[in-house]
PDB file of all heavy atoms in Angstrom:
ATOM      1  N   ARG A   1       0.833  -1.207   0.000  1.00  0.00           N
ATOM      2  CA  ARG A   1       0.000   0.000   0.000  1.00  0.00           C
ATOM      3  C   ARG A   1       0.865   1.254   0.000  1.00  0.00           C
ATOM      4  O   ARG A   1       0.593   2.212  -0.753  1.00  0.00           O
ATOM      5  CB  ARG A   1      -0.914   0.001   1.233  1.00  0.00           C
ATOM      6  CG  ARG A   1      -1.780   1.253   1.359  1.00  0.00           C
ATOM      7  CD  ARG A   1      -2.645   1.188   2.598  1.00  0.00           C
ATOM      8  NE  ARG A   1      -3.440   2.393   2.749  1.00  0.00           N
ATOM      9  CZ  ARG A   1      -3.004   3.513   3.333  1.00  0.00           C
ATOM     10  NH1 ARG A   1      -1.762   3.559   3.822  1.00  0.00           N
ATOM     11  NH2 ARG A   1      -3.780   4.569   3.428  1.00  0.00           N
ATOM     12  N   GLU A   2       1.895   1.270   0.826  1.00  0.00           N
ATOM     13  CA  GLU A   2       2.773   2.441   0.887  1.00  0.00           C
ATOM     14  C   GLU A   2       3.497   2.658  -0.436  1.00  0.00           C
ATOM     15  O   GLU A   2       3.676   3.802  -0.878  1.00  0.00           O
ATOM     16  CB  GLU A   2       3.794   2.277   2.025  1.00  0.00           C
ATOM     17  CG  GLU A   2       3.182   2.352   3.416  1.00  0.00           C
ATOM     18  CD  GLU A   2       2.399   3.648   3.621  1.00  0.00           C
ATOM     19  OE1 GLU A   2       2.927   4.728   3.278  1.00  0.00           O
ATOM     20  OE2 GLU A   2       1.253   3.575   4.109  1.00  0.00           O
ATOM     21  N   ARG A   3       3.887   1.581  -1.075  1.00  0.00           N
ATOM     22  CA  ARG A   3       4.548   1.722  -2.379  1.00  0.00           C
ATOM     23  C   ARG A   3       3.569   2.272  -3.413  1.00  0.00           C
ATOM     24  O   ARG A   3       3.933   3.135  -4.216  1.00  0.00           O
ATOM     25  CB  ARG A   3       5.112   0.376  -2.841  1.00  0.00           C
ATOM     26  CG  ARG A   3       5.656   0.421  -4.272  1.00  0.00           C
ATOM     27  CD  ARG A   3       6.511  -0.771  -4.598  1.00  0.00           C
ATOM     28  NE  ARG A   3       6.774  -0.865  -6.027  1.00  0.00           N
ATOM     29  CZ  ARG A   3       7.633  -0.108  -6.693  1.00  0.00           C
ATOM     30  NH1 ARG A   3       8.308   0.824  -6.063  1.00  0.00           N
ATOM     31  NH2 ARG A   3       7.830  -0.263  -7.994  1.00  0.00           N
ATOM     32  N   TYR A   4       2.344   1.791  -3.406  1.00  0.00           N
ATOM     33  CA  TYR A   4       1.360   2.278  -4.379  1.00  0.00           C
ATOM     34  C   TYR A   4       1.114   3.772  -4.177  1.00  0.00           C
ATOM     35  O   TYR A   4       1.092   4.555  -5.132  1.00  0.00           O
ATOM     36  CB  TYR A   4       0.037   1.499  -4.262  1.00  0.00           C
ATOM     37  CG  TYR A   4      -0.777   1.555  -5.542  1.00  0.00           C
ATOM     38  CD1 TYR A   4      -0.812   0.473  -6.406  1.00  0.00           C
ATOM     39  CD2 TYR A   4      -1.483   2.704  -5.895  1.00  0.00           C
ATOM     40  CE1 TYR A   4      -1.538   0.527  -7.587  1.00  0.00           C
ATOM     41  CE2 TYR A   4      -2.195   2.771  -7.079  1.00  0.00           C
ATOM     42  CZ  TYR A   4      -2.224   1.674  -7.923  1.00  0.00           C
ATOM     43  OH  TYR A   4      -2.932   1.751  -9.112  1.00  0.00           O
ATOM     44  N   LEU A   5       0.941   4.186  -2.914  1.00  0.00           N
ATOM     45  CA  LEU A   5       0.705   5.598  -2.632  1.00  0.00           C
ATOM     46  C   LEU A   5       1.896   6.461  -3.044  1.00  0.00           C
ATOM     47  O   LEU A   5       1.723   7.565  -3.573  1.00  0.00           O
ATOM     48  CB  LEU A   5       0.398   5.784  -1.149  1.00  0.00           C
ATOM     49  CG  LEU A   5      -0.929   5.206  -0.660  1.00  0.00           C
ATOM     50  CD1 LEU A   5      -1.020   5.307   0.867  1.00  0.00           C
ATOM     51  CD2 LEU A   5      -2.111   5.919  -1.312  1.00  0.00           C
ATOM     52  N   THR A   6       3.115   5.963  -2.796  1.00  0.00           N
ATOM     53  CA  THR A   6       4.316   6.704  -3.185  1.00  0.00           C
ATOM     54  C   THR A   6       4.377   6.896  -4.692  1.00  0.00           C
ATOM     55  O   THR A   6       4.686   7.992  -5.186  1.00  0.00           O
ATOM     56  CB  THR A   6       5.578   5.962  -2.697  1.00  0.00           C
ATOM     57  OG1 THR A   6       5.568   5.907  -1.277  1.00  0.00           O
ATOM     58  CG2 THR A   6       6.839   6.673  -3.167  1.00  0.00           C
ATOM     59  N   LEU A   7       4.059   5.848  -5.438  1.00  0.00           N
ATOM     60  CA  LEU A   7       4.087   5.940  -6.895  1.00  0.00           C
ATOM     61  C   LEU A   7       2.961   6.831  -7.418  1.00  0.00           C
ATOM     62  O   LEU A   7       3.138   7.545  -8.412  1.00  0.00           O
ATOM     63  CB  LEU A   7       4.013   4.545  -7.505  1.00  0.00           C
ATOM     64  CG  LEU A   7       5.278   3.710  -7.336  1.00  0.00           C
ATOM     65  CD1 LEU A   7       5.040   2.264  -7.722  1.00  0.00           C
ATOM     66  CD2 LEU A   7       6.412   4.295  -8.168  1.00  0.00           C
ATOM     67  N   GLN A   8       1.816   6.804  -6.773  1.00  0.00           N
ATOM     68  CA  GLN A   8       0.739   7.715  -7.163  1.00  0.00           C
ATOM     69  C   GLN A   8       1.171   9.164  -6.994  1.00  0.00           C
ATOM     70  O   GLN A   8       0.907  10.009  -7.865  1.00  0.00           O
ATOM     71  CB  GLN A   8      -0.527   7.445  -6.341  1.00  0.00           C
ATOM     72  CG  GLN A   8      -1.354   6.282  -6.843  1.00  0.00           C
ATOM     73  CD  GLN A   8      -2.712   6.215  -6.160  1.00  0.00           C
ATOM     74  OE1 GLN A   8      -2.821   6.462  -4.945  1.00  0.00           O
ATOM     75  NE2 GLN A   8      -3.740   5.885  -6.905  1.00  0.00           N
ATOM     76  N   ARG A   9       1.831   9.465  -5.888  1.00  0.00           N
ATOM     77  CA  ARG A   9       2.308  10.836  -5.667  1.00  0.00           C
ATOM     78  C   ARG A   9       3.347  11.233  -6.715  1.00  0.00           C
ATOM     79  O   ARG A   9       3.351  12.367  -7.201  1.00  0.00           O
ATOM     80  CB  ARG A   9       2.876  10.974  -4.253  1.00  0.00           C
ATOM     81  CG  ARG A   9       1.823  10.951  -3.163  1.00  0.00           C
ATOM     82  CD  ARG A   9       2.411  11.366  -1.827  1.00  0.00           C
ATOM     83  NE  ARG A   9       3.339  10.367  -1.305  1.00  0.00           N
ATOM     84  CZ  ARG A   9       2.987   9.379  -0.499  1.00  0.00           C
ATOM     85  NH1 ARG A   9       1.723   9.239  -0.116  1.00  0.00           N
ATOM     86  NH2 ARG A   9       3.903   8.520  -0.036  1.00  0.00           N
ATOM     87  N   ALA A  10       4.232  10.310  -7.065  1.00  0.00           N
ATOM     88  CA  ALA A  10       5.249  10.600  -8.073  1.00  0.00           C
ATOM     89  C   ALA A  10       4.610  10.862  -9.430  1.00  0.00           C
ATOM     90  O   ALA A  10       5.018  11.787 -10.155  1.00  0.00           O
ATOM     91  CB  ALA A  10       6.237   9.433  -8.171  1.00  0.00           C
ATOM     92  N   MET A  11       3.603  10.072  -9.793  1.00  0.00           N
ATOM     93  CA  MET A  11       2.916  10.269 -11.063  1.00  0.00           C
ATOM     94  C   MET A  11       2.178  11.600 -11.083  1.00  0.00           C
ATOM     95  O   MET A  11       2.214  12.338 -12.079  1.00  0.00           O
ATOM     96  CB  MET A  11       1.941   9.110 -11.331  1.00  0.00           C
ATOM     97  CG  MET A  11       2.627   7.809 -11.705  1.00  0.00           C
ATOM     98  SD  MET A  11       1.456   6.526 -12.260  1.00  0.00           S
ATOM     99  CE  MET A  11       0.802   5.955 -10.686  1.00  0.00           C
ATOM    100  N   LEU A  12       1.506  11.928  -9.986  1.00  0.00           N
ATOM    101  CA  LEU A  12       0.766  13.188  -9.909  1.00  0.00           C
ATOM    102  C   LEU A  12       1.702  14.377 -10.036  1.00  0.00           C
ATOM    103  O   LEU A  12       1.425  15.327 -10.781  1.00  0.00           O
ATOM    104  CB  LEU A  12      -0.002  13.258  -8.589  1.00  0.00           C
ATOM    105  CG  LEU A  12      -0.746  14.572  -8.309  1.00  0.00           C
ATOM    106  CD1 LEU A  12      -1.781  14.845  -9.386  1.00  0.00           C
ATOM    107  CD2 LEU A  12      -1.386  14.533  -6.925  1.00  0.00           C
ATOM    108  N   SER A  13       2.816  14.345  -9.320  1.00  0.00           N
ATOM    109  CA  SER A  13       3.767  15.447  -9.358  1.00  0.00           C
ATOM    110  C   SER A  13       4.332  15.648 -10.762  1.00  0.00           C
ATOM    111  O   SER A  13       4.385  16.767 -11.283  1.00  0.00           O
ATOM    112  CB  SER A  13       4.904  15.184  -8.367  1.00  0.00           C
ATOM    113  OG  SER A  13       5.888  16.181  -8.451  1.00  0.00           O
ATOM    114  N   ALA A  14       4.747  14.552 -11.397  1.00  0.00           N
ATOM    115  CA  ALA A  14       5.366  14.643 -12.721  1.00  0.00           C
ATOM    116  C   ALA A  14       4.366  15.095 -13.773  1.00  0.00           C
ATOM    117  O   ALA A  14       4.678  15.958 -14.605  1.00  0.00           O
ATOM    118  CB  ALA A  14       5.968  13.294 -13.101  1.00  0.00           C
ATOM    119  N   THR A  15       3.165  14.532 -13.770  1.00  0.00           N
ATOM    120  CA  THR A  15       2.192  14.877 -14.806  1.00  0.00           C
ATOM    121  C   THR A  15       1.658  16.295 -14.634  1.00  0.00           C
ATOM    122  O   THR A  15       1.432  16.990 -15.629  1.00  0.00           O
ATOM    123  CB  THR A  15       1.023  13.880 -14.809  1.00  0.00           C
ATOM    124  OG1 THR A  15       0.457  13.782 -13.490  1.00  0.00           O
ATOM    125  CG2 THR A  15       1.499  12.492 -15.241  1.00  0.00           C
ATOM    126  N   SER A  16       1.476  16.742 -13.399  1.00  0.00           N
ATOM    127  CA  SER A  16       1.010  18.115 -13.172  1.00  0.00           C
ATOM    128  C   SER A  16       2.041  19.117 -13.684  1.00  0.00           C
ATOM    129  O   SER A  16       1.692  20.124 -14.325  1.00  0.00           O
ATOM    130  CB  SER A  16       0.741  18.346 -11.687  1.00  0.00           C
ATOM    131  OG  SER A  16      -0.306  17.530 -11.226  1.00  0.00           O
ATOM    132  N   ARG A  17       3.302  18.849 -13.407  1.00  0.00           N
ATOM    133  CA  ARG A  17       4.378  19.750 -13.845  1.00  0.00           C
ATOM    134  C   ARG A  17       4.470  19.768 -15.374  1.00  0.00           C
ATOM    135  O   ARG A  17       4.564  20.838 -15.990  1.00  0.00           O
ATOM    136  CB  ARG A  17       5.699  19.309 -13.228  1.00  0.00           C
ATOM    137  CG  ARG A  17       6.863  20.228 -13.535  1.00  0.00           C
ATOM    138  CD  ARG A  17       8.076  19.855 -12.699  1.00  0.00           C
ATOM    139  NE  ARG A  17       8.522  18.488 -12.932  1.00  0.00           N
ATOM    140  CZ  ARG A  17       8.338  17.473 -12.101  1.00  0.00           C
ATOM    141  NH1 ARG A  17       7.686  17.646 -10.954  1.00  0.00           N
ATOM    142  NH2 ARG A  17       8.781  16.258 -12.388  1.00  0.00           N
ATOM    143  N   LEU A  18       4.423  18.597 -16.005  1.00  0.00           N
ATOM    144  CA  LEU A  18       4.507  18.530 -17.461  1.00  0.00           C
ATOM    145  C   LEU A  18       3.302  19.202 -18.112  1.00  0.00           C
ATOM    146  O   LEU A  18       3.448  19.911 -19.113  1.00  0.00           O
ATOM    147  CB  LEU A  18       4.584  17.065 -17.909  1.00  0.00           C
ATOM    148  CG  LEU A  18       5.938  16.373 -17.846  1.00  0.00           C
ATOM    149  CD1 LEU A  18       5.795  14.927 -18.297  1.00  0.00           C
ATOM    150  CD2 LEU A  18       6.958  17.091 -18.702  1.00  0.00           C
ATOM    151  N   ARG A  19       2.134  18.962 -17.574  1.00  0.00           N
ATOM    152  CA  ARG A  19       0.912  19.514 -18.161  1.00  0.00           C
ATOM    153  C   ARG A  19       0.950  21.039 -18.160  1.00  0.00           C
ATOM    154  O   ARG A  19       0.609  21.679 -19.154  1.00  0.00           O
ATOM    155  CB  ARG A  19      -0.305  18.993 -17.388  1.00  0.00           C
ATOM    156  CG  ARG A  19      -1.629  19.158 -18.109  1.00  0.00           C
ATOM    157  CD  ARG A  19      -2.693  18.392 -17.371  1.00  0.00           C
ATOM    158  NE  ARG A  19      -4.015  18.584 -17.944  1.00  0.00           N
ATOM    159  CZ  ARG A  19      -5.132  18.032 -17.478  1.00  0.00           C
ATOM    160  NH1 ARG A  19      -5.058  17.229 -16.413  1.00  0.00           N
ATOM    161  NH2 ARG A  19      -6.309  18.261 -18.054  1.00  0.00           N
ATOM    162  N   GLY A  20       1.386  21.628 -17.046  1.00  0.00           N
ATOM    163  CA  GLY A  20       1.480  23.079 -16.979  1.00  0.00           C
ATOM    164  C   GLY A  20       2.523  23.618 -17.942  1.00  0.00           C
ATOM    165  O   GLY A  20       2.308  24.656 -18.590  1.00  0.00           O
ATOM    166  N   ARG A  21       3.653  22.940 -18.061  1.00  0.00           N
ATOM    167  CA  ARG A  21       4.724  23.382 -18.961  1.00  0.00           C
ATOM    168  C   ARG A  21       4.256  23.339 -20.415  1.00  0.00           C
ATOM    169  O   ARG A  21       4.520  24.280 -21.195  1.00  0.00           O
ATOM    170  CB  ARG A  21       5.950  22.495 -18.762  1.00  0.00           C
ATOM    171  CG  ARG A  21       7.177  22.906 -19.571  1.00  0.00           C
ATOM    172  CD  ARG A  21       8.350  22.021 -19.203  1.00  0.00           C
ATOM    173  NE  ARG A  21       9.536  22.320 -20.000  1.00  0.00           N
ATOM    174  CZ  ARG A  21      10.398  23.282 -19.734  1.00  0.00           C
ATOM    175  NH1 ARG A  21      10.205  24.064 -18.686  1.00  0.00           N
ATOM    176  NH2 ARG A  21      11.456  23.491 -20.503  1.00  0.00           N
ATOM    177  N   LEU A  22       3.564  22.276 -20.793  1.00  0.00           N
ATOM    178  CA  LEU A  22       3.082  22.164 -22.172  1.00  0.00           C
ATOM    179  C   LEU A  22       2.004  23.205 -22.474  1.00  0.00           C
ATOM    180  O   LEU A  22       1.940  23.729 -23.595  1.00  0.00           O
ATOM    181  CB  LEU A  22       2.540  20.751 -22.419  1.00  0.00           C
ATOM    182  CG  LEU A  22       3.584  19.628 -22.379  1.00  0.00           C
ATOM    183  CD1 LEU A  22       2.913  18.275 -22.576  1.00  0.00           C
ATOM    184  CD2 LEU A  22       4.676  19.844 -23.432  1.00  0.00           C
ATOM    185  N   ARG A  23       1.175  23.515 -21.482  1.00  0.00           N
ATOM    186  CA  ARG A  23       0.169  24.567 -21.701  1.00  0.00           C
ATOM    187  C   ARG A  23       0.836  25.917 -21.959  1.00  0.00           C
ATOM    188  O   ARG A  23       0.389  26.679 -22.821  1.00  0.00           O
ATOM    189  CB  ARG A  23      -0.768  24.660 -20.497  1.00  0.00           C
ATOM    190  CG  ARG A  23      -1.820  23.578 -20.439  1.00  0.00           C
ATOM    191  CD  ARG A  23      -2.951  23.978 -19.516  1.00  0.00           C
ATOM    192  NE  ARG A  23      -2.515  24.180 -18.165  1.00  0.00           N
ATOM    193  CZ  ARG A  23      -2.640  23.271 -17.190  1.00  0.00           C
ATOM    194  NH1 ARG A  23      -3.182  22.095 -17.460  1.00  0.00           N
ATOM    195  NH2 ARG A  23      -2.237  23.518 -15.974  1.00  0.00           N
ATOM    196  N   ASP A  24       1.888  26.218 -21.211  1.00  0.00           N
ATOM    197  CA  ASP A  24       2.612  27.470 -21.429  1.00  0.00           C
ATOM    198  C   ASP A  24       3.160  27.534 -22.855  1.00  0.00           C
ATOM    199  O   ASP A  24       3.139  28.593 -23.496  1.00  0.00           O
ATOM    200  CB  ASP A  24       3.759  27.611 -20.426  1.00  0.00           C
ATOM    201  CG  ASP A  24       3.269  27.875 -19.014  1.00  0.00           C
ATOM    202  OD1 ASP A  24       2.084  28.234 -18.848  1.00  0.00           O
ATOM    203  OD2 ASP A  24       4.065  27.714 -18.066  1.00  0.00           O
ATOM    204  N   MET A  25       3.640  26.411 -23.351  1.00  0.00           N
ATOM    205  CA  MET A  25       4.163  26.378 -24.720  1.00  0.00           C
ATOM    206  C   MET A  25       3.045  26.561 -25.743  1.00  0.00           C
ATOM    207  O   MET A  25       3.239  27.194 -26.786  1.00  0.00           O
ATOM    208  CB  MET A  25       4.908  25.066 -24.966  1.00  0.00           C
ATOM    209  CG  MET A  25       6.175  24.923 -24.146  1.00  0.00           C
ATOM    210  SD  MET A  25       6.993  23.338 -24.408  1.00  0.00           S
ATOM    211  CE  MET A  25       8.343  23.468 -23.234  1.00  0.00           C
ATOM    212  N   LEU A  26       1.867  26.017 -25.437  1.00  0.00           N
ATOM    213  CA  LEU A  26       0.735  26.182 -26.350  1.00  0.00           C
ATOM    214  C   LEU A  26       0.345  27.649 -26.495  1.00  0.00           C
ATOM    215  O   LEU A  26      -0.028  28.091 -27.584  1.00  0.00           O
ATOM    216  CB  LEU A  26      -0.473  25.374 -25.854  1.00  0.00           C
ATOM    217  CG  LEU A  26      -0.574  23.913 -26.278  1.00  0.00           C
ATOM    218  CD1 LEU A  26      -1.781  23.265 -25.618  1.00  0.00           C
ATOM    219  CD2 LEU A  26      -0.681  23.792 -27.797  1.00  0.00           C
ATOM    220  N   THR A  27       0.411  28.416 -25.405  1.00  0.00           N
ATOM    221  CA  THR A  27       0.007  29.823 -25.472  1.00  0.00           C
ATOM    222  C   THR A  27       0.911  30.619 -26.400  1.00  0.00           C
ATOM    223  O   THR A  27       0.500  31.685 -26.894  1.00  0.00           O
ATOM    224  CB  THR A  27       0.028  30.473 -24.074  1.00  0.00           C
ATOM    225  OG1 THR A  27       1.379  30.506 -23.568  1.00  0.00           O
ATOM    226  CG2 THR A  27      -0.864  29.722 -23.105  1.00  0.00           C
ATOM    227  N   ARG A  28       2.119  30.133 -26.671  1.00  0.00           N
ATOM    228  CA  ARG A  28       3.043  30.841 -27.548  1.00  0.00           C
ATOM    229  C   ARG A  28       2.965  30.359 -28.989  1.00  0.00           C
ATOM    230  O   ARG A  28       3.731  30.812 -29.854  1.00  0.00           O
ATOM    231  CB  ARG A  28       4.486  30.671 -27.029  1.00  0.00           C
ATOM    232  CG  ARG A  28       4.721  31.300 -25.672  1.00  0.00           C
ATOM    233  CD  ARG A  28       6.194  31.280 -25.290  1.00  0.00           C
ATOM    234  NE  ARG A  28       6.686  29.946 -24.985  1.00  0.00           N
ATOM    235  CZ  ARG A  28       6.591  29.371 -23.788  1.00  0.00           C
ATOM    236  NH1 ARG A  28       5.993  30.020 -22.791  1.00  0.00           N
ATOM    237  NH2 ARG A  28       7.063  28.167 -23.567  1.00  0.00           N
ATOM    238  N   THR A  29       2.054  29.411 -29.257  1.00  0.00           N
ATOM    239  CA  THR A  29       1.980  28.801 -30.582  1.00  0.00           C
ATOM    240  C   THR A  29       1.033  29.542 -31.523  1.00  0.00           C
ATOM    241  O   THR A  29       1.399  29.922 -32.624  1.00  0.00           O
ATOM    242  CB  THR A  29       1.548  27.327 -30.460  1.00  0.00           C
ATOM    243  OG1 THR A  29       2.468  26.641 -29.609  1.00  0.00           O
ATOM    244  CG2 THR A  29       1.519  26.650 -31.809  1.00  0.00           C
ATOM    245  N   SER A  30      -0.197  29.734 -31.092  1.00  0.00           N
ATOM    246  CA  SER A  30      -1.202  30.414 -31.905  1.00  0.00           C
ATOM    247  C   SER A  30      -2.378  30.777 -31.003  1.00  0.00           C
ATOM    248  O   SER A  30      -2.529  30.213 -29.911  1.00  0.00           O
ATOM    249  CB  SER A  30      -1.681  29.515 -33.051  1.00  0.00           C
ATOM    250  OG  SER A  30      -2.457  28.441 -32.537  1.00  0.00           O
ATOM    251  N   PRO A  31      -3.236  31.712 -31.438  1.00  0.00           N
ATOM    252  CA  PRO A  31      -4.420  32.054 -30.626  1.00  0.00           C
ATOM    253  C   PRO A  31      -5.301  30.849 -30.346  1.00  0.00           C
ATOM    254  O   PRO A  31      -5.833  30.693 -29.247  1.00  0.00           O
ATOM    255  CB  PRO A  31      -5.133  33.107 -31.482  1.00  0.00           C
ATOM    256  CG  PRO A  31      -4.054  33.709 -32.313  1.00  0.00           C
ATOM    257  CD  PRO A  31      -3.104  32.591 -32.615  1.00  0.00           C
ATOM    258  N   GLU A  32      -5.471  29.990 -31.341  1.00  0.00           N
ATOM    259  CA  GLU A  32      -6.332  28.811 -31.147  1.00  0.00           C
ATOM    260  C   GLU A  32      -5.731  27.866 -30.104  1.00  0.00           C
ATOM    261  O   GLU A  32      -6.454  27.314 -29.259  1.00  0.00           O
ATOM    262  CB  GLU A  32      -6.515  28.069 -32.473  1.00  0.00           C
ATOM    263  CG  GLU A  32      -7.306  28.816 -33.519  1.00  0.00           C
ATOM    264  CD  GLU A  32      -6.477  29.891 -34.215  1.00  0.00           C
ATOM    265  OE1 GLU A  32      -5.230  29.904 -34.017  1.00  0.00           O
ATOM    266  OE2 GLU A  32      -7.062  30.720 -34.923  1.00  0.00           O
ATOM    267  N   MET A  33      -4.418  27.675 -30.164  1.00  0.00           N
ATOM    268  CA  MET A  33      -3.764  26.800 -29.197  1.00  0.00           C
ATOM    269  C   MET A  33      -3.746  27.425 -27.799  1.00  0.00           C
ATOM    270  O   MET A  33      -3.809  26.721 -26.786  1.00  0.00           O
ATOM    271  CB  MET A  33      -2.341  26.481 -29.641  1.00  0.00           C
ATOM    272  CG  MET A  33      -2.237  25.631 -30.899  1.00  0.00           C
ATOM    273  SD  MET A  33      -2.957  23.974 -30.734  1.00  0.00           S
ATOM    274  CE  MET A  33      -4.567  24.226 -31.507  1.00  0.00           C
ATOM    275  N   ALA A  34      -3.682  28.752 -27.744  1.00  0.00           N
ATOM    276  CA  ALA A  34      -3.752  29.435 -26.452  1.00  0.00           C
ATOM    277  C   ALA A  34      -5.112  29.193 -25.797  1.00  0.00           C
ATOM    278  O   ALA A  34      -5.207  29.007 -24.580  1.00  0.00           O
ATOM    279  CB  ALA A  34      -3.507  30.929 -26.630  1.00  0.00           C
ATOM    280  N   ARG A  35      -6.161  29.174 -26.615  1.00  0.00           N
ATOM    281  CA  ARG A  35      -7.495  28.890 -26.063  1.00  0.00           C
ATOM    282  C   ARG A  35      -7.575  27.447 -25.570  1.00  0.00           C
ATOM    283  O   ARG A  35      -8.172  27.172 -24.525  1.00  0.00           O
ATOM    284  CB  ARG A  35      -8.560  29.152 -27.127  1.00  0.00           C
ATOM    285  CG  ARG A  35      -9.979  29.195 -26.556  1.00  0.00           C
ATOM    286  CD  ARG A  35     -11.008  29.502 -27.630  1.00  0.00           C
ATOM    287  NE  ARG A  35     -10.791  30.775 -28.276  1.00  0.00           N
ATOM    288  CZ  ARG A  35     -11.111  31.947 -27.724  1.00  0.00           C
ATOM    289  NH1 ARG A  35     -11.634  31.998 -26.527  1.00  0.00           N
ATOM    290  NH2 ARG A  35     -10.899  33.067 -28.397  1.00  0.00           N
ATOM    291  N   LEU A  36      -6.984  26.536 -26.322  1.00  0.00           N
ATOM    292  CA  LEU A  36      -6.958  25.134 -25.896  1.00  0.00           C
ATOM    293  C   LEU A  36      -6.235  24.999 -24.558  1.00  0.00           C
ATOM    294  O   LEU A  36      -6.684  24.253 -23.675  1.00  0.00           O
ATOM    295  CB  LEU A  36      -6.257  24.279 -26.952  1.00  0.00           C
ATOM    296  CG  LEU A  36      -6.008  22.813 -26.593  1.00  0.00           C
ATOM    297  CD1 LEU A  36      -7.318  22.079 -26.327  1.00  0.00           C
ATOM    298  CD2 LEU A  36      -5.218  22.116 -27.700  1.00  0.00           C
TER     299      LEU A  36
END
């Protein structure tokens, strides 16, 4: 159980950080991508 929870936290941290970074890049691509 502790291992599963640890891996869930690692996945959440990594995906949240990547998702925000990719959104920032989208805003610099085009108006349509900024809306997305």
